[in-house]
N, C-alpha and C. Protein backbone atom coordinates (compact mmCIF):
# COMPACT_ATOMS: atom_id res chain seq x y z
N UNK A 1 249.72 187.38 349.68
CA UNK A 1 250.78 186.41 349.50
C UNK A 1 251.77 186.94 348.46
N UNK A 2 252.99 186.97 348.81
CA UNK A 2 254.02 187.53 347.95
C UNK A 2 254.88 186.39 347.40
N UNK A 3 255.17 186.49 346.09
CA UNK A 3 256.02 185.48 345.47
C UNK A 3 257.48 185.78 345.79
N UNK A 4 258.19 184.72 346.05
CA UNK A 4 259.62 184.91 346.29
C UNK A 4 260.33 184.83 344.94
N UNK A 5 261.27 185.72 344.76
CA UNK A 5 262.01 185.75 343.51
C UNK A 5 263.28 184.93 343.69
N UNK A 6 263.42 183.95 342.79
CA UNK A 6 264.65 183.17 342.81
C UNK A 6 265.45 183.50 341.57
N UNK A 7 266.73 183.65 341.70
CA UNK A 7 267.56 183.98 340.54
C UNK A 7 267.59 182.81 339.54
N UNK A 8 267.66 183.18 338.27
CA UNK A 8 267.72 182.17 337.21
C UNK A 8 269.19 181.86 336.96
N UNK A 9 269.47 180.57 336.88
CA UNK A 9 270.86 180.17 336.66
C UNK A 9 271.23 180.30 335.18
N UNK A 10 272.52 180.28 334.94
CA UNK A 10 273.02 180.39 333.58
C UNK A 10 272.53 179.22 332.72
N UNK A 11 272.47 178.04 333.30
CA UNK A 11 272.01 176.86 332.57
C UNK A 11 270.54 176.99 332.18
N UNK A 12 269.72 177.54 333.08
CA UNK A 12 268.31 177.73 332.77
C UNK A 12 268.13 178.74 331.64
N UNK A 13 268.93 179.80 331.67
CA UNK A 13 268.86 180.80 330.60
C UNK A 13 269.26 180.17 329.27
N UNK A 14 270.33 179.38 329.26
CA UNK A 14 270.77 178.72 328.03
C UNK A 14 269.71 177.75 327.52
N UNK A 15 269.04 177.02 328.45
CA UNK A 15 267.96 176.11 328.05
C UNK A 15 266.79 176.87 327.45
N UNK A 16 266.43 178.02 328.04
CA UNK A 16 265.33 178.82 327.51
C UNK A 16 265.66 179.36 326.13
N UNK A 17 266.91 179.82 325.93
CA UNK A 17 267.33 180.33 324.63
C UNK A 17 267.32 179.22 323.60
N UNK A 18 267.83 178.05 323.97
CA UNK A 18 267.85 176.91 323.04
C UNK A 18 266.42 176.50 322.66
N UNK A 19 265.50 176.50 323.64
CA UNK A 19 264.11 176.17 323.36
C UNK A 19 263.49 177.18 322.40
N UNK A 20 263.77 178.48 322.62
CA UNK A 20 263.22 179.52 321.76
C UNK A 20 263.77 179.41 320.34
N UNK A 21 265.06 179.12 320.21
CA UNK A 21 265.66 178.97 318.89
C UNK A 21 265.07 177.76 318.17
N UNK A 22 264.91 176.66 318.87
CA UNK A 22 264.32 175.46 318.26
C UNK A 22 262.88 175.72 317.81
N UNK A 23 262.12 176.43 318.63
CA UNK A 23 260.73 176.74 318.27
C UNK A 23 260.69 177.66 317.05
N UNK A 24 261.59 178.63 317.02
CA UNK A 24 261.67 179.54 315.87
C UNK A 24 262.02 178.76 314.60
N UNK A 25 263.03 177.88 314.67
CA UNK A 25 263.44 177.11 313.50
C UNK A 25 262.31 176.20 313.01
N UNK A 26 261.57 175.60 313.94
CA UNK A 26 260.45 174.74 313.55
C UNK A 26 259.37 175.56 312.85
N UNK A 27 259.02 176.70 313.42
CA UNK A 27 257.98 177.54 312.81
C UNK A 27 258.42 178.08 311.46
N UNK A 28 259.68 178.50 311.36
CA UNK A 28 260.19 179.02 310.08
C UNK A 28 260.20 177.92 309.03
N UNK A 29 260.55 176.70 309.42
CA UNK A 29 260.54 175.58 308.48
C UNK A 29 259.14 175.28 307.98
N UNK A 30 258.16 175.31 308.86
CA UNK A 30 256.78 175.05 308.46
C UNK A 30 256.27 176.14 307.52
N UNK A 31 256.59 177.39 307.83
CA UNK A 31 256.16 178.49 306.97
C UNK A 31 256.81 178.37 305.59
N UNK A 32 258.10 178.05 305.55
CA UNK A 32 258.79 177.88 304.27
C UNK A 32 258.20 176.73 303.47
N UNK A 33 257.84 175.65 304.15
CA UNK A 33 257.25 174.51 303.47
C UNK A 33 255.91 174.88 302.84
N UNK A 34 255.08 175.60 303.57
CA UNK A 34 253.77 176.02 303.05
C UNK A 34 253.95 176.97 301.87
N UNK A 35 254.84 177.94 302.00
CA UNK A 35 255.07 178.88 300.90
C UNK A 35 255.63 178.18 299.66
N UNK A 36 256.55 177.24 299.87
CA UNK A 36 257.11 176.49 298.75
C UNK A 36 256.04 175.69 298.03
N UNK A 37 255.18 175.02 298.78
CA UNK A 37 254.09 174.26 298.17
C UNK A 37 253.16 175.18 297.40
N UNK A 38 252.85 176.34 297.97
CA UNK A 38 251.96 177.29 297.32
C UNK A 38 252.56 177.79 296.00
N UNK A 39 253.84 178.15 296.00
CA UNK A 39 254.47 178.66 294.79
C UNK A 39 254.56 177.58 293.71
N UNK A 40 254.86 176.35 294.10
CA UNK A 40 254.92 175.26 293.11
C UNK A 40 253.53 175.01 292.53
N UNK A 41 252.50 175.04 293.38
CA UNK A 41 251.13 174.82 292.90
C UNK A 41 250.72 175.93 291.92
N UNK A 42 251.04 177.17 292.24
CA UNK A 42 250.69 178.28 291.35
C UNK A 42 251.47 178.21 290.04
N UNK A 43 252.73 177.83 290.12
CA UNK A 43 253.53 177.68 288.90
C UNK A 43 252.94 176.58 288.01
N UNK A 44 252.60 175.44 288.61
CA UNK A 44 252.03 174.34 287.84
C UNK A 44 250.70 174.75 287.22
N UNK A 45 249.88 175.46 287.98
CA UNK A 45 248.60 175.93 287.45
C UNK A 45 248.82 176.83 286.23
N UNK A 46 249.71 177.79 286.35
CA UNK A 46 250.00 178.68 285.23
C UNK A 46 250.57 177.95 284.03
N UNK A 47 251.46 177.01 284.28
CA UNK A 47 252.07 176.24 283.19
C UNK A 47 251.01 175.44 282.44
N UNK A 48 250.14 174.77 283.18
CA UNK A 48 249.11 173.96 282.52
C UNK A 48 248.07 174.81 281.81
N UNK A 49 247.84 176.03 282.31
CA UNK A 49 246.93 176.93 281.60
C UNK A 49 247.56 177.41 280.29
N UNK A 50 248.86 177.68 280.31
CA UNK A 50 249.55 178.16 279.10
C UNK A 50 249.57 177.09 278.03
N UNK A 51 249.75 175.83 278.41
CA UNK A 51 249.78 174.78 277.38
C UNK A 51 248.39 174.25 277.05
N UNK A 52 247.36 174.78 277.71
CA UNK A 52 245.99 174.44 277.33
C UNK A 52 245.40 173.22 278.00
N UNK A 53 246.03 172.71 279.03
CA UNK A 53 245.50 171.54 279.73
C UNK A 53 244.41 171.89 280.73
N UNK A 54 244.41 173.13 281.22
CA UNK A 54 243.39 173.59 282.15
C UNK A 54 242.62 174.72 281.46
N UNK A 55 241.30 174.70 281.54
CA UNK A 55 240.52 175.74 280.85
C UNK A 55 240.79 177.14 281.41
N UNK A 56 240.48 178.17 280.62
CA UNK A 56 240.72 179.56 281.06
C UNK A 56 239.98 179.89 282.36
N UNK A 57 240.54 180.79 283.13
CA UNK A 57 239.94 181.23 284.39
C UNK A 57 239.39 182.63 284.19
N UNK A 58 238.13 182.83 284.48
CA UNK A 58 237.44 184.12 284.38
C UNK A 58 237.56 184.72 282.97
N UNK A 59 237.56 183.86 281.97
CA UNK A 59 237.60 184.33 280.60
C UNK A 59 238.95 184.80 280.12
N UNK A 60 239.99 184.64 280.90
CA UNK A 60 241.34 185.06 280.50
C UNK A 60 242.04 183.84 279.90
N UNK A 61 242.19 183.85 278.59
CA UNK A 61 242.78 182.70 277.90
C UNK A 61 244.25 182.99 277.62
N UNK A 62 245.13 182.22 278.21
CA UNK A 62 246.57 182.40 278.00
C UNK A 62 247.17 181.22 277.24
N UNK A 63 246.31 180.40 276.65
CA UNK A 63 246.76 179.22 275.91
C UNK A 63 247.53 179.64 274.67
N UNK A 64 248.81 179.28 274.60
CA UNK A 64 249.63 179.64 273.44
C UNK A 64 249.98 178.43 272.59
N UNK A 65 249.67 177.25 273.08
CA UNK A 65 250.08 176.04 272.37
C UNK A 65 249.39 175.91 271.02
N UNK A 66 248.10 176.20 270.95
CA UNK A 66 247.36 176.10 269.68
C UNK A 66 247.94 177.08 268.65
N UNK A 67 248.25 178.28 269.09
CA UNK A 67 248.82 179.28 268.18
C UNK A 67 250.18 178.83 267.65
N UNK A 68 251.00 178.26 268.52
CA UNK A 68 252.32 177.78 268.09
C UNK A 68 252.18 176.65 267.09
N UNK A 69 251.24 175.74 267.33
CA UNK A 69 251.02 174.62 266.40
C UNK A 69 250.56 175.15 265.05
N UNK A 70 249.63 176.09 265.05
CA UNK A 70 249.13 176.64 263.79
C UNK A 70 250.24 177.36 263.01
N UNK A 71 251.02 178.16 263.68
CA UNK A 71 252.11 178.88 263.00
C UNK A 71 253.15 177.92 262.44
N UNK A 72 253.48 176.89 263.23
CA UNK A 72 254.46 175.90 262.77
C UNK A 72 253.92 175.14 261.57
N UNK A 73 252.64 174.77 261.61
CA UNK A 73 252.03 174.06 260.49
C UNK A 73 252.05 174.93 259.24
N UNK A 74 251.74 176.21 259.39
CA UNK A 74 251.77 177.13 258.24
C UNK A 74 253.17 177.23 257.65
N UNK A 75 254.18 177.34 258.50
CA UNK A 75 255.56 177.45 258.02
C UNK A 75 256.00 176.17 257.31
N UNK A 76 255.61 175.02 257.86
CA UNK A 76 255.99 173.75 257.22
C UNK A 76 255.30 173.62 255.86
N UNK A 77 254.02 174.00 255.78
CA UNK A 77 253.30 173.91 254.50
C UNK A 77 253.90 174.88 253.48
N UNK A 78 254.32 176.08 253.91
CA UNK A 78 254.98 177.03 253.01
C UNK A 78 256.29 176.45 252.50
N UNK A 79 257.06 175.84 253.40
CA UNK A 79 258.35 175.28 253.01
C UNK A 79 258.17 174.11 252.07
N UNK A 80 257.14 173.30 252.26
CA UNK A 80 256.90 172.17 251.39
C UNK A 80 256.39 172.61 250.02
N UNK A 81 255.62 173.70 249.98
CA UNK A 81 255.09 174.15 248.71
C UNK A 81 256.18 174.81 247.85
N UNK A 82 257.23 175.34 248.45
CA UNK A 82 258.32 175.97 247.71
C UNK A 82 259.19 174.91 247.02
N UNK A 83 259.31 173.72 247.63
CA UNK A 83 260.21 172.72 247.04
C UNK A 83 259.58 171.89 245.98
């Protein structure tokens, strides 16, 4: 049994192209949404680790808030003792 070949009309080609473009835009939007969520989550994780709200991961301590508080306290006490 042999298939008969029918020519594709211009409208059918335009419909197929429009469908492909819409599918591409939908997939690209979903990928961008997932990547955006991932980057925001990683940024928030890093930010909260730096300010000391989340404990260190694998022994890597990046908490700088305690050090800043200690240095500021030392500077204020030095300034108060001079006056």
